Amino acid sequence: MAKNLIPLNQLPIGSFGKVKRLTAEGISRRRMLDLGLIFNTTVESLRKSPAGDPIAYEIRGAVIALRSEEASKIYVEVI
């Protein structure tokens, strides 16, 4: 795996990343693809919940909350 790829859940709040790899399988993978998390999609990390999980992301104009477990299966390149 490339050095500059990080899991989405490690993207700092206020930062942007481009989706480069999706390691989820089955229904979880299908859900992520349906949400628009496809190759080269820009994602912004917006805010964490008070407990730290889930985290809100802006994806293609929509705000989506993903649990850390789900977001860890999406690898992004920080931009």
PDB file of N, CA and C in Angstrom:
ATOM      1  N   MET A   1       0.845  -1.178   0.000  1.00  0.00           N
ATOM      2  CA  MET A   1       0.000   0.000   0.000  1.00  0.00           C
ATOM      3  C   MET A   1       0.889   1.240   0.000  1.00  0.00           C
ATOM      4  N   ALA A   2       0.488   2.253  -0.706  1.00  0.00           N
ATOM      5  CA  ALA A   2       1.268   3.487  -0.806  1.00  0.00           C
ATOM      6  C   ALA A   2       1.396   4.163   0.555  1.00  0.00           C
ATOM      7  N   LYS A   3       2.535   4.828   0.743  1.00  0.00           N
ATOM      8  CA  LYS A   3       2.827   5.484   2.017  1.00  0.00           C
ATOM      9  C   LYS A   3       1.867   6.619   2.337  1.00  0.00           C
ATOM     10  N   ASN A   4       1.377   7.309   1.313  1.00  0.00           N
ATOM     11  CA  ASN A   4       0.561   8.498   1.539  1.00  0.00           C
ATOM     12  C   ASN A   4      -0.925   8.196   1.715  1.00  0.00           C
ATOM     13  N   LEU A   5      -1.308   6.936   1.791  1.00  0.00           N
ATOM     14  CA  LEU A   5      -2.711   6.578   2.014  1.00  0.00           C
ATOM     15  C   LEU A   5      -2.945   6.343   3.500  1.00  0.00           C
ATOM     16  N   ILE A   6      -4.047   6.894   4.003  1.00  0.00           N
ATOM     17  CA  ILE A   6      -4.423   6.687   5.401  1.00  0.00           C
ATOM     18  C   ILE A   6      -5.885   6.257   5.453  1.00  0.00           C
ATOM     19  N   PRO A   7      -6.278   5.544   6.506  1.00  0.00           N
ATOM     20  CA  PRO A   7      -7.694   5.218   6.659  1.00  0.00           C
ATOM     21  C   PRO A   7      -8.494   6.502   6.884  1.00  0.00           C
ATOM     22  N   LEU A   8      -9.695   6.540   6.385  1.00  0.00           N
ATOM     23  CA  LEU A   8     -10.540   7.730   6.493  1.00  0.00           C
ATOM     24  C   LEU A   8     -10.742   8.164   7.946  1.00  0.00           C
ATOM     25  N   ASN A   9     -10.828   7.213   8.867  1.00  0.00           N
ATOM     26  CA  ASN A   9     -11.047   7.576  10.266  1.00  0.00           C
ATOM     27  C   ASN A   9      -9.851   8.309  10.880  1.00  0.00           C
ATOM     28  N   GLN A  10      -8.693   8.326  10.214  1.00  0.00           N
ATOM     29  CA  GLN A  10      -7.515   9.041  10.697  1.00  0.00           C
ATOM     30  C   GLN A  10      -7.331  10.391  10.009  1.00  0.00           C
ATOM     31  N   LEU A  11      -8.227  10.740   9.099  1.00  0.00           N
ATOM     32  CA  LEU A  11      -8.167  12.037   8.422  1.00  0.00           C
ATOM     33  C   LEU A  11      -8.501  13.130   9.440  1.00  0.00           C
ATOM     34  N   PRO A  12      -7.588  14.103   9.633  1.00  0.00           N
ATOM     35  CA  PRO A  12      -7.858  15.152  10.632  1.00  0.00           C
ATOM     36  C   PRO A  12      -9.117  15.955  10.302  1.00  0.00           C
ATOM     37  N   ILE A  13      -9.806  16.403  11.345  1.00  0.00           N
ATOM     38  CA  ILE A  13     -11.009  17.221  11.170  1.00  0.00           C
ATOM     39  C   ILE A  13     -10.639  18.484  10.398  1.00  0.00           C
ATOM     40  N   GLY A  14     -11.456  18.824   9.401  1.00  0.00           N
ATOM     41  CA  GLY A  14     -11.204  19.996   8.564  1.00  0.00           C
ATOM     42  C   GLY A  14     -10.339  19.706   7.356  1.00  0.00           C
ATOM     43  N   SER A  15      -9.864  18.469   7.217  1.00  0.00           N
ATOM     44  CA  SER A  15      -9.006  18.092   6.093  1.00  0.00           C
ATOM     45  C   SER A  15      -9.807  17.407   4.993  1.00  0.00           C
ATOM     46  N   PHE A  16      -9.202  17.376   3.819  1.00  0.00           N
ATOM     47  CA  PHE A  16      -9.809  16.736   2.655  1.00  0.00           C
ATOM     48  C   PHE A  16      -8.972  15.535   2.240  1.00  0.00           C
ATOM     49  N   GLY A  17      -9.638  14.548   1.685  1.00  0.00           N
ATOM     50  CA  GLY A  17      -8.950  13.386   1.148  1.00  0.00           C
ATOM     51  C   GLY A  17      -9.666  12.885  -0.085  1.00  0.00           C
ATOM     52  N   LYS A  18      -8.933  12.162  -0.926  1.00  0.00           N
ATOM     53  CA  LYS A  18      -9.534  11.536  -2.110  1.00  0.00           C
ATOM     54  C   LYS A  18      -9.532  10.038  -1.897  1.00  0.00           C
ATOM     55  N   VAL A  19     -10.666   9.418  -2.127  1.00  0.00           N
ATOM     56  CA  VAL A  19     -10.797   7.971  -1.958  1.00  0.00           C
ATOM     57  C   VAL A  19      -9.906   7.275  -2.985  1.00  0.00           C
ATOM     58  N   LYS A  20      -9.054   6.377  -2.493  1.00  0.00           N
ATOM     59  CA  LYS A  20      -8.152   5.640  -3.373  1.00  0.00           C
ATOM     60  C   LYS A  20      -8.340   4.133  -3.284  1.00  0.00           C
ATOM     61  N   ARG A  21      -8.874   3.652  -2.152  1.00  0.00           N
ATOM     62  CA  ARG A  21      -9.018   2.208  -1.990  1.00  0.00           C
ATOM     63  C   ARG A  21     -10.141   1.915  -1.008  1.00  0.00           C
ATOM     64  N   LEU A  22     -10.887   0.853  -1.275  1.00  0.00           N
ATOM     65  CA  LEU A  22     -11.994   0.426  -0.422  1.00  0.00           C
ATOM     66  C   LEU A  22     -11.779  -1.050  -0.102  1.00  0.00           C
ATOM     67  N   THR A  23     -11.565  -1.374   1.172  1.00  0.00           N
ATOM     68  CA  THR A  23     -11.275  -2.763   1.541  1.00  0.00           C
ATOM     69  C   THR A  23     -12.476  -3.495   2.134  1.00  0.00           C
ATOM     70  N   ALA A  24     -13.594  -2.810   2.282  1.00  0.00           N
ATOM     71  CA  ALA A  24     -14.807  -3.440   2.819  1.00  0.00           C
ATOM     72  C   ALA A  24     -15.324  -4.479   1.822  1.00  0.00           C
ATOM     73  N   GLU A  25     -16.077  -5.445   2.344  1.00  0.00           N
ATOM     74  CA  GLU A  25     -16.642  -6.494   1.496  1.00  0.00           C
ATOM     75  C   GLU A  25     -18.136  -6.638   1.746  1.00  0.00           C
ATOM     76  N   GLY A  26     -18.806  -7.262   0.816  1.00  0.00           N
ATOM     77  CA  GLY A  26     -20.213  -7.600   0.980  1.00  0.00           C
ATOM     78  C   GLY A  26     -21.138  -6.397   1.033  1.00  0.00           C
ATOM     79  N   ILE A  27     -22.110  -6.472   1.919  1.00  0.00           N
ATOM     80  CA  ILE A  27     -23.137  -5.436   2.044  1.00  0.00           C
ATOM     81  C   ILE A  27     -22.523  -4.098   2.455  1.00  0.00           C
ATOM     82  N   SER A  28     -21.526  -4.160   3.325  1.00  0.00           N
ATOM     83  CA  SER A  28     -20.853  -2.940   3.769  1.00  0.00           C
ATOM     84  C   SER A  28     -20.206  -2.212   2.588  1.00  0.00           C
ATOM     85  N   ARG A  29     -19.555  -2.953   1.703  1.00  0.00           N
ATOM     86  CA  ARG A  29     -18.931  -2.368   0.514  1.00  0.00           C
ATOM     87  C   ARG A  29     -19.999  -1.739  -0.389  1.00  0.00           C
ATOM     88  N   ARG A  30     -21.084  -2.463  -0.597  1.00  0.00           N
ATOM     89  CA  ARG A  30     -22.167  -1.960  -1.448  1.00  0.00           C
ATOM     90  C   ARG A  30     -22.734  -0.656  -0.894  1.00  0.00           C
ATOM     91  N   ARG A  31     -22.911  -0.582   0.427  1.00  0.00           N
ATOM     92  CA  ARG A  31     -23.437   0.624   1.070  1.00  0.00           C
ATOM     93  C   ARG A  31     -22.502   1.811   0.846  1.00  0.00           C
ATOM     94  N   MET A  32     -21.215   1.570   1.011  1.00  0.00           N
ATOM     95  CA  MET A  32     -20.241   2.647   0.818  1.00  0.00           C
ATOM     96  C   MET A  32     -20.234   3.150  -0.628  1.00  0.00           C
ATOM     97  N   LEU A  33     -20.312   2.228  -1.552  1.00  0.00           N
ATOM     98  CA  LEU A  33     -20.364   2.618  -2.966  1.00  0.00           C
ATOM     99  C   LEU A  33     -21.642   3.395  -3.256  1.00  0.00           C
ATOM    100  N   ASP A  34     -22.752   2.970  -2.676  1.00  0.00           N
ATOM    101  CA  ASP A  34     -24.033   3.663  -2.855  1.00  0.00           C
ATOM    102  C   ASP A  34     -24.008   5.075  -2.264  1.00  0.00           C
ATOM    103  N   LEU A  35     -23.212   5.270  -1.207  1.00  0.00           N
ATOM    104  CA  LEU A  35     -23.074   6.595  -0.597  1.00  0.00           C
ATOM    105  C   LEU A  35     -22.192   7.523  -1.437  1.00  0.00           C
ATOM    106  N   GLY A  36     -21.558   6.976  -2.474  1.00  0.00           N
ATOM    107  CA  GLY A  36     -20.720   7.795  -3.346  1.00  0.00           C
ATOM    108  C   GLY A  36     -19.243   7.696  -3.055  1.00  0.00           C
ATOM    109  N   LEU A  37     -18.847   6.747  -2.237  1.00  0.00           N
ATOM    110  CA  LEU A  37     -17.429   6.577  -1.900  1.00  0.00           C
ATOM    111  C   LEU A  37     -16.738   5.726  -2.959  1.00  0.00           C
ATOM    112  N   ILE A  38     -16.571   6.330  -4.133  1.00  0.00           N
ATOM    113  CA  ILE A  38     -15.915   5.648  -5.239  1.00  0.00           C
ATOM    114  C   ILE A  38     -14.558   6.307  -5.497  1.00  0.00           C
ATOM    115  N   PHE A  39     -13.743   5.673  -6.312  1.00  0.00           N
ATOM    116  CA  PHE A  39     -12.382   6.138  -6.592  1.00  0.00           C
ATOM    117  C   PHE A  39     -12.353   7.622  -6.970  1.00  0.00           C
ATOM    118  N   ASN A  40     -11.446   8.347  -6.352  1.00  0.00           N
ATOM    119  CA  ASN A  40     -11.189   9.780  -6.581  1.00  0.00           C
ATOM    120  C   ASN A  40     -12.279  10.723  -6.068  1.00  0.00           C
ATOM    121  N   THR A  41     -13.229  10.225  -5.291  1.00  0.00           N
ATOM    122  CA  THR A  41     -14.226  11.106  -4.683  1.00  0.00           C
ATOM    123  C   THR A  41     -13.567  11.901  -3.558  1.00  0.00           C
ATOM    124  N   THR A  42     -13.815  13.207  -3.520  1.00  0.00           N
ATOM    125  CA  THR A  42     -13.270  14.054  -2.457  1.00  0.00           C
ATOM    126  C   THR A  42     -14.172  13.976  -1.231  1.00  0.00           C
ATOM    127  N   VAL A  43     -13.538  13.779  -0.070  1.00  0.00           N
ATOM    128  CA  VAL A  43     -14.238  13.658   1.204  1.00  0.00           C
ATOM    129  C   VAL A  43     -13.641  14.677   2.167  1.00  0.00           C
ATOM    130  N   GLU A  44     -14.514  15.390   2.902  1.00  0.00           N
ATOM    131  CA  GLU A  44     -14.043  16.308   3.933  1.00  0.00           C
ATOM    132  C   GLU A  44     -14.472  15.772   5.292  1.00  0.00           C
ATOM    133  N   SER A  45     -13.530  15.738   6.221  1.00  0.00           N
ATOM    134  CA  SER A  45     -13.828  15.340   7.596  1.00  0.00           C
ATOM    135  C   SER A  45     -14.362  16.571   8.319  1.00  0.00           C
ATOM    136  N   LEU A  46     -15.619  16.531   8.761  1.00  0.00           N
ATOM    137  CA  LEU A  46     -16.267  17.711   9.329  1.00  0.00           C
ATOM    138  C   LEU A  46     -16.159  17.811  10.839  1.00  0.00           C
ATOM    139  N   ARG A  47     -16.651  16.780  11.550  1.00  0.00           N
ATOM    140  CA  ARG A  47     -16.649  16.863  13.016  1.00  0.00           C
ATOM    141  C   ARG A  47     -16.859  15.477  13.616  1.00  0.00           C
ATOM    142  N   LYS A  48     -16.411  15.359  14.865  1.00  0.00           N
ATOM    143  CA  LYS A  48     -16.609  14.119  15.617  1.00  0.00           C
ATOM    144  C   LYS A  48     -17.773  14.298  16.563  1.00  0.00           C
ATOM    145  N   SER A  49     -18.426  13.213  16.885  1.00  0.00           N
ATOM    146  CA  SER A  49     -19.471  13.278  17.909  1.00  0.00           C
ATOM    147  C   SER A  49     -18.790  13.490  19.259  1.00  0.00           C
ATOM    148  N   PRO A  50     -19.524  13.896  20.282  1.00  0.00           N
ATOM    149  CA  PRO A  50     -18.920  14.123  21.597  1.00  0.00           C
ATOM    150  C   PRO A  50     -18.154  12.905  22.138  1.00  0.00           C
ATOM    151  N   ALA A  51     -18.605  11.718  21.809  1.00  0.00           N
ATOM    152  CA  ALA A  51     -17.924  10.503  22.257  1.00  0.00           C
ATOM    153  C   ALA A  51     -16.767  10.124  21.332  1.00  0.00           C
ATOM    154  N   GLY A  52     -16.642  10.810  20.189  1.00  0.00           N
ATOM    155  CA  GLY A  52     -15.556  10.533  19.252  1.00  0.00           C
ATOM    156  C   GLY A  52     -15.908   9.585  18.125  1.00  0.00           C
ATOM    157  N   ASP A  53     -17.053   8.942  18.203  1.00  0.00           N
ATOM    158  CA  ASP A  53     -17.460   7.995  17.167  1.00  0.00           C
ATOM    159  C   ASP A  53     -18.979   8.023  17.086  1.00  0.00           C
ATOM    160  N   PRO A  54     -19.626   8.289  15.992  1.00  0.00           N
ATOM    161  CA  PRO A  54     -19.105   8.380  14.630  1.00  0.00           C
ATOM    162  C   PRO A  54     -18.522   9.760  14.293  1.00  0.00           C
ATOM    163  N   ILE A  55     -17.997   9.842  13.074  1.00  0.00           N
ATOM    164  CA  ILE A  55     -17.446  11.086  12.544  1.00  0.00           C
ATOM    165  C   ILE A  55     -18.287  11.483  11.337  1.00  0.00           C
ATOM    166  N   ALA A  56     -18.563  12.784  11.208  1.00  0.00           N
ATOM    167  CA  ALA A  56     -19.345  13.299  10.077  1.00  0.00           C
ATOM    168  C   ALA A  56     -18.398  13.677   8.944  1.00  0.00           C
ATOM    169  N   TYR A  57     -18.750  13.270   7.735  1.00  0.00           N
ATOM    170  CA  TYR A  57     -17.971  13.565   6.528  1.00  0.00           C
ATOM    171  C   TYR A  57     -18.889  14.178   5.486  1.00  0.00           C
ATOM    172  N   GLU A  58     -18.343  15.082   4.685  1.00  0.00           N
ATOM    173  CA  GLU A  58     -19.092  15.590   3.535  1.00  0.00           C
ATOM    174  C   GLU A  58     -18.622  14.827   2.312  1.00  0.00           C
ATOM    175  N   ILE A  59     -19.586  14.173   1.660  1.00  0.00           N
ATOM    176  CA  ILE A  59     -19.304  13.352   0.491  1.00  0.00           C
ATOM    177  C   ILE A  59     -20.271  13.764  -0.606  1.00  0.00           C
ATOM    178  N   ARG A  60     -19.762  14.340  -1.680  1.00  0.00           N
ATOM    179  CA  ARG A  60     -20.588  14.749  -2.818  1.00  0.00           C
ATOM    180  C   ARG A  60     -21.769  15.624  -2.407  1.00  0.00           C
ATOM    181  N   GLY A  61     -21.533  16.568  -1.485  1.00  0.00           N
ATOM    182  CA  GLY A  61     -22.552  17.518  -1.075  1.00  0.00           C
ATOM    183  C   GLY A  61     -23.473  17.048   0.034  1.00  0.00           C
ATOM    184  N   ALA A  62     -23.334  15.808   0.465  1.00  0.00           N
ATOM    185  CA  ALA A  62     -24.158  15.281   1.550  1.00  0.00           C
ATOM    186  C   ALA A  62     -23.296  15.041   2.779  1.00  0.00           C
ATOM    187  N   VAL A  63     -23.863  15.231   3.960  1.00  0.00           N
ATOM    188  CA  VAL A  63     -23.156  14.953   5.202  1.00  0.00           C
ATOM    189  C   VAL A  63     -23.544  13.551   5.658  1.00  0.00           C
ATOM    190  N   ILE A  64     -22.530  12.706   5.832  1.00  0.00           N
ATOM    191  CA  ILE A  64     -22.726  11.304   6.183  1.00  0.00           C
ATOM    192  C   ILE A  64     -21.932  11.011   7.453  1.00  0.00           C
ATOM    193  N   ALA A  65     -22.529  10.308   8.396  1.00  0.00           N
ATOM    194  CA  ALA A  65     -21.817   9.886   9.607  1.00  0.00           C
ATOM    195  C   ALA A  65     -21.407   8.429   9.441  1.00  0.00           C
ATOM    196  N   LEU A  66     -20.123   8.166   9.647  1.00  0.00           N
ATOM    197  CA  LEU A  66     -19.602   6.808   9.565  1.00  0.00           C
ATOM    198  C   LEU A  66     -18.935   6.442  10.878  1.00  0.00           C
ATOM    199  N   ARG A  67     -19.171   5.216  11.320  1.00  0.00           N
ATOM    200  CA  ARG A  67     -18.470   4.718  12.499  1.00  0.00           C
ATOM    201  C   ARG A  67     -17.006   4.501  12.144  1.00  0.00           C
ATOM    202  N   SER A  68     -16.171   4.551  13.140  1.00  0.00           N
ATOM    203  CA  SER A  68     -14.740   4.385  12.943  1.00  0.00           C
ATOM    204  C   SER A  68     -14.428   3.034  12.281  1.00  0.00           C
ATOM    205  N   GLU A  69     -15.160   2.011  12.672  1.00  0.00           N
ATOM    206  CA  GLU A  69     -14.964   0.674  12.102  1.00  0.00           C
ATOM    207  C   GLU A  69     -15.199   0.674  10.589  1.00  0.00           C
ATOM    208  N   GLU A  70     -16.232   1.384  10.132  1.00  0.00           N
ATOM    209  CA  GLU A  70     -16.519   1.466   8.689  1.00  0.00           C
ATOM    210  C   GLU A  70     -15.487   2.331   7.978  1.00  0.00           C
ATOM    211  N   ALA A  71     -15.194   3.493   8.567  1.00  0.00           N
ATOM    212  CA  ALA A  71     -14.277   4.449   7.940  1.00  0.00           C
ATOM    213  C   ALA A  71     -12.856   3.898   7.831  1.00  0.00           C
ATOM    214  N   SER A  72     -12.497   2.962   8.696  1.00  0.00           N
ATOM    215  CA  SER A  72     -11.140   2.396   8.656  1.00  0.00           C
ATOM    216  C   SER A  72     -10.923   1.530   7.420  1.00  0.00           C
ATOM    217  N   LYS A  73     -11.988   1.181   6.719  1.00  0.00           N
ATOM    218  CA  LYS A  73     -11.890   0.346   5.526  1.00  0.00           C
ATOM    219  C   LYS A  73     -11.850   1.158   4.245  1.00  0.00           C
ATOM    220  N   ILE A  74     -11.799   2.487   4.393  1.00  0.00           N
ATOM    221  CA  ILE A  74     -11.728   3.396   3.254  1.00  0.00           C
ATOM    222  C   ILE A  74     -10.378   4.114   3.330  1.00  0.00           C
ATOM    223  N   TYR A  75      -9.569   3.945   2.324  1.00  0.00           N
ATOM    224  CA  TYR A  75      -8.255   4.580   2.328  1.00  0.00           C
ATOM    225  C   TYR A  75      -8.263   5.794   1.417  1.00  0.00           C
ATOM    226  N   VAL A  76      -7.744   6.908   1.962  1.00  0.00           N
ATOM    227  CA  VAL A  76      -7.752   8.180   1.232  1.00  0.00           C
ATOM    228  C   VAL A  76      -6.336   8.744   1.137  1.00  0.00           C
ATOM    229  N   GLU A  77      -6.159   9.574   0.133  1.00  0.00           N
ATOM    230  CA  GLU A  77      -4.926  10.334  -0.035  1.00  0.00           C
ATOM    231  C   GLU A  77      -5.231  11.761   0.439  1.00  0.00           C
ATOM    232  N   VAL A  78      -4.477  12.251   1.399  1.00  0.00           N
ATOM    233  CA  VAL A  78      -4.715  13.590   1.934  1.00  0.00           C
ATOM    234  C   VAL A  78      -4.384  14.620   0.857  1.00  0.00           C
ATOM    235  N   ILE A  79      -5.305  15.602   0.674  1.00  0.00           N
ATOM    236  CA  ILE A  79      -5.063  16.658  -0.323  1.00  0.00           C
ATOM    237  C   ILE A  79      -5.130  18.009   0.346  1.00  0.00           C
TER     238      ILE A  79
END
